[in-house]
Amino acid sequence: SGPCDADELRAAGADVVLTGLTDFPRWLAAYRDGEGDAEALDAARA
């Protein structure tokens, strides 16, 4: 949540943009397990 949308966050250099907090557990598990890079885990693009 916040004043910036996903495109603004990416333009500002965000490695990962989640669509909401409910995406965080899946992202964290994949990150911790070394599955893919930030681009592949970017939930807003999925």
PDB file of N, CA and C in Angstrom:
ATOM      1  N   SER A   1       0.844  -1.182   0.000  1.00  0.00           N
ATOM      2  CA  SER A   1       0.000   0.000   0.000  1.00  0.00           C
ATOM      3  C   SER A   1       0.882   1.235   0.000  1.00  0.00           C
ATOM      4  N   GLY A   2       0.324   2.311  -0.394  1.00  0.00           N
ATOM      5  CA  GLY A   2       1.073   3.556  -0.437  1.00  0.00           C
ATOM      6  C   GLY A   2       0.656   4.401  -1.610  1.00  0.00           C
ATOM      7  N   PRO A   3       1.295   5.545  -1.762  1.00  0.00           N
ATOM      8  CA  PRO A   3       0.889   6.487  -2.792  1.00  0.00           C
ATOM      9  C   PRO A   3       1.390   6.145  -4.198  1.00  0.00           C
ATOM     10  N   CYS A   4       2.309   5.199  -4.326  1.00  0.00           N
ATOM     11  CA  CYS A   4       2.905   4.878  -5.633  1.00  0.00           C
ATOM     12  C   CYS A   4       2.319   3.583  -6.185  1.00  0.00           C
ATOM     13  N   ASP A   5       2.080   3.563  -7.496  1.00  0.00           N
ATOM     14  CA  ASP A   5       1.609   2.321  -8.108  1.00  0.00           C
ATOM     15  C   ASP A   5       2.814   1.470  -8.520  1.00  0.00           C
ATOM     16  N   ALA A   6       2.536   0.277  -9.021  1.00  0.00           N
ATOM     17  CA  ALA A   6       3.595  -0.672  -9.360  1.00  0.00           C
ATOM     18  C   ALA A   6       4.566  -0.117 -10.394  1.00  0.00           C
ATOM     19  N   ASP A   7       4.060   0.591 -11.392  1.00  0.00           N
ATOM     20  CA  ASP A   7       4.941   1.152 -12.422  1.00  0.00           C
ATOM     21  C   ASP A   7       5.897   2.183 -11.836  1.00  0.00           C
ATOM     22  N   GLU A   8       5.399   3.010 -10.939  1.00  0.00           N
ATOM     23  CA  GLU A   8       6.258   4.013 -10.298  1.00  0.00           C
ATOM     24  C   GLU A   8       7.330   3.346  -9.442  1.00  0.00           C
ATOM     25  N   LEU A   9       6.953   2.292  -8.733  1.00  0.00           N
ATOM     26  CA  LEU A   9       7.919   1.582  -7.896  1.00  0.00           C
ATOM     27  C   LEU A   9       9.020   0.955  -8.746  1.00  0.00           C
ATOM     28  N   ARG A  10       8.635   0.337  -9.874  1.00  0.00           N
ATOM     29  CA  ARG A  10       9.639  -0.254 -10.770  1.00  0.00           C
ATOM     30  C   ARG A  10      10.555   0.821 -11.347  1.00  0.00           C
ATOM     31  N   ALA A  11       9.965   1.944 -11.746  1.00  0.00           N
ATOM     32  CA  ALA A  11      10.758   3.044 -12.311  1.00  0.00           C
ATOM     33  C   ALA A  11      11.739   3.596 -11.287  1.00  0.00           C
ATOM     34  N   ALA A  12      11.378   3.512 -10.021  1.00  0.00           N
ATOM     35  CA  ALA A  12      12.248   3.999  -8.951  1.00  0.00           C
ATOM     36  C   ALA A  12      13.298   2.970  -8.557  1.00  0.00           C
ATOM     37  N   GLY A  13      13.250   1.773  -9.179  1.00  0.00           N
ATOM     38  CA  GLY A  13      14.288   0.778  -8.943  1.00  0.00           C
ATOM     39  C   GLY A  13      13.904  -0.396  -8.067  1.00  0.00           C
ATOM     40  N   ALA A  14      12.625  -0.559  -7.761  1.00  0.00           N
ATOM     41  CA  ALA A  14      12.211  -1.696  -6.935  1.00  0.00           C
ATOM     42  C   ALA A  14      12.541  -3.004  -7.648  1.00  0.00           C
ATOM     43  N   ASP A  15      13.130  -3.937  -6.932  1.00  0.00           N
ATOM     44  CA  ASP A  15      13.449  -5.247  -7.495  1.00  0.00           C
ATOM     45  C   ASP A  15      12.218  -6.137  -7.568  1.00  0.00           C
ATOM     46  N   VAL A  16      11.337  -6.011  -6.581  1.00  0.00           N
ATOM     47  CA  VAL A  16      10.136  -6.835  -6.495  1.00  0.00           C
ATOM     48  C   VAL A  16       8.971  -5.942  -6.111  1.00  0.00           C
ATOM     49  N   VAL A  17       7.848  -6.125  -6.786  1.00  0.00           N
ATOM     50  CA  VAL A  17       6.627  -5.391  -6.458  1.00  0.00           C
ATOM     51  C   VAL A  17       5.524  -6.425  -6.267  1.00  0.00           C
ATOM     52  N   LEU A  18       4.991  -6.507  -5.077  1.00  0.00           N
ATOM     53  CA  LEU A  18       3.910  -7.440  -4.785  1.00  0.00           C
ATOM     54  C   LEU A  18       2.576  -6.723  -4.919  1.00  0.00           C
ATOM     55  N   THR A  19       1.549  -7.455  -5.318  1.00  0.00           N
ATOM     56  CA  THR A  19       0.232  -6.839  -5.458  1.00  0.00           C
ATOM     57  C   THR A  19      -0.439  -6.626  -4.112  1.00  0.00           C
ATOM     58  N   GLY A  20       0.031  -7.326  -3.085  1.00  0.00           N
ATOM     59  CA  GLY A  20      -0.521  -7.169  -1.741  1.00  0.00           C
ATOM     60  C   GLY A  20       0.254  -8.026  -0.761  1.00  0.00           C
ATOM     61  N   LEU A  21      -0.045  -7.865   0.511  1.00  0.00           N
ATOM     62  CA  LEU A  21       0.660  -8.625   1.539  1.00  0.00           C
ATOM     63  C   LEU A  21       0.387 -10.120   1.455  1.00  0.00           C
ATOM     64  N   THR A  22      -0.729 -10.506   0.871  1.00  0.00           N
ATOM     65  CA  THR A  22      -1.022 -11.936   0.756  1.00  0.00           C
ATOM     66  C   THR A  22      -0.056 -12.637  -0.200  1.00  0.00           C
ATOM     67  N   ASP A  23       0.619 -11.883  -1.061  1.00  0.00           N
ATOM     68  CA  ASP A  23       1.624 -12.454  -1.967  1.00  0.00           C
ATOM     69  C   ASP A  23       2.963 -12.689  -1.273  1.00  0.00           C
ATOM     70  N   PHE A  24       3.161 -12.050  -0.124  1.00  0.00           N
ATOM     71  CA  PHE A  24       4.471 -12.099   0.522  1.00  0.00           C
ATOM     72  C   PHE A  24       4.916 -13.502   0.922  1.00  0.00           C
ATOM     73  N   PRO A  25       4.079 -14.341   1.555  1.00  0.00           N
ATOM     74  CA  PRO A  25       4.563 -15.677   1.938  1.00  0.00           C
ATOM     75  C   PRO A  25       5.076 -16.497   0.756  1.00  0.00           C
ATOM     76  N   ARG A  26       4.355 -16.451  -0.373  1.00  0.00           N
ATOM     77  CA  ARG A  26       4.791 -17.198  -1.568  1.00  0.00           C
ATOM     78  C   ARG A  26       6.112 -16.646  -2.085  1.00  0.00           C
ATOM     79  N   TRP A  27       6.224 -15.316  -2.144  1.00  0.00           N
ATOM     80  CA  TRP A  27       7.455 -14.697  -2.611  1.00  0.00           C
ATOM     81  C   TRP A  27       8.624 -15.049  -1.690  1.00  0.00           C
ATOM     82  N   LEU A  28       8.403 -14.956  -0.379  1.00  0.00           N
ATOM     83  CA  LEU A  28       9.471 -15.239   0.580  1.00  0.00           C
ATOM     84  C   LEU A  28       9.935 -16.687   0.471  1.00  0.00           C
ATOM     85  N   ALA A  29       8.995 -17.611   0.358  1.00  0.00           N
ATOM     86  CA  ALA A  29       9.362 -19.024   0.235  1.00  0.00           C
ATOM     87  C   ALA A  29      10.201 -19.260  -1.017  1.00  0.00           C
ATOM     88  N   ALA A  30       9.798 -18.677  -2.131  1.00  0.00           N
ATOM     89  CA  ALA A  30      10.550 -18.841  -3.374  1.00  0.00           C
ATOM     90  C   ALA A  30      11.925 -18.189  -3.272  1.00  0.00           C
ATOM     91  N   TYR A  31      11.990 -17.026  -2.671  1.00  0.00           N
ATOM     92  CA  TYR A  31      13.266 -16.324  -2.505  1.00  0.00           C
ATOM     93  C   TYR A  31      14.202 -17.129  -1.615  1.00  0.00           C
ATOM     94  N   ARG A  32      13.668 -17.613  -0.510  1.00  0.00           N
ATOM     95  CA  ARG A  32      14.464 -18.379   0.449  1.00  0.00           C
ATOM     96  C   ARG A  32      14.976 -19.668  -0.180  1.00  0.00           C
ATOM     97  N   ASP A  33      14.170 -20.275  -1.051  1.00  0.00           N
ATOM     98  CA  ASP A  33      14.562 -21.528  -1.704  1.00  0.00           C
ATOM     99  C   ASP A  33      15.433 -21.307  -2.930  1.00  0.00           C
ATOM    100  N   GLY A  34      15.686 -20.038  -3.280  1.00  0.00           N
ATOM    101  CA  GLY A  34      16.540 -19.721  -4.414  1.00  0.00           C
ATOM    102  C   GLY A  34      15.889 -19.969  -5.759  1.00  0.00           C
ATOM    103  N   GLU A  35      14.569 -19.911  -5.808  1.00  0.00           N
ATOM    104  CA  GLU A  35      13.848 -20.162  -7.058  1.00  0.00           C
ATOM    105  C   GLU A  35      13.700 -18.886  -7.859  1.00  0.00           C
ATOM    106  N   GLY A  36      14.445 -18.776  -8.920  1.00  0.00           N
ATOM    107  CA  GLY A  36      14.319 -17.635  -9.820  1.00  0.00           C
ATOM    108  C   GLY A  36      14.941 -16.371  -9.276  1.00  0.00           C
ATOM    109  N   ASP A  37      14.787 -15.328 -10.060  1.00  0.00           N
ATOM    110  CA  ASP A  37      15.313 -14.031  -9.666  1.00  0.00           C
ATOM    111  C   ASP A  37      14.153 -13.101  -9.346  1.00  0.00           C
ATOM    112  N   ALA A  38      14.456 -11.879  -9.023  1.00  0.00           N
ATOM    113  CA  ALA A  38      13.430 -10.902  -8.662  1.00  0.00           C
ATOM    114  C   ALA A  38      12.433 -10.711  -9.792  1.00  0.00           C
ATOM    115  N   GLU A  39      12.897 -10.724 -11.027  1.00  0.00           N
ATOM    116  CA  GLU A  39      12.005 -10.536 -12.181  1.00  0.00           C
ATOM    117  C   GLU A  39      10.962 -11.646 -12.238  1.00  0.00           C
ATOM    118  N   ALA A  40      11.393 -12.881 -12.045  1.00  0.00           N
ATOM    119  CA  ALA A  40      10.471 -14.006 -12.112  1.00  0.00           C
ATOM    120  C   ALA A  40       9.504 -14.020 -10.942  1.00  0.00           C
ATOM    121  N   LEU A  41       9.909 -13.447  -9.829  1.00  0.00           N
ATOM    122  CA  LEU A  41       9.079 -13.460  -8.636  1.00  0.00           C
ATOM    123  C   LEU A  41       8.207 -12.224  -8.513  1.00  0.00           C
ATOM    124  N   ASP A  42       8.258 -11.359  -9.467  1.00  0.00           N
ATOM    125  CA  ASP A  42       7.506 -10.111  -9.413  1.00  0.00           C
ATOM    126  C   ASP A  42       6.019 -10.414  -9.560  1.00  0.00           C
ATOM    127  N   ALA A  43       5.306 -10.459  -8.453  1.00  0.00           N
ATOM    128  CA  ALA A  43       3.903 -10.878  -8.452  1.00  0.00           C
ATOM    129  C   ALA A  43       3.009  -9.929  -9.231  1.00  0.00           C
ATOM    130  N   ALA A  44       3.372  -8.681  -9.326  1.00  0.00           N
ATOM    131  CA  ALA A  44       2.529  -7.723 -10.039  1.00  0.00           C
ATOM    132  C   ALA A  44       2.528  -7.991 -11.538  1.00  0.00           C
ATOM    133  N   ARG A  45       3.545  -8.664 -12.047  1.00  0.00           N
ATOM    134  CA  ARG A  45       3.615  -8.969 -13.478  1.00  0.00           C
ATOM    135  C   ARG A  45       3.035 -10.336 -13.794  1.00  0.00           C
ATOM    136  N   ALA A  46       2.761 -11.127 -12.762  1.00  0.00           N
ATOM    137  CA  ALA A  46       2.265 -12.501 -12.967  1.00  0.00           C
ATOM    138  C   ALA A  46       0.835 -12.516 -13.454  1.00  0.00           C
TER     139      ALA A  46
END
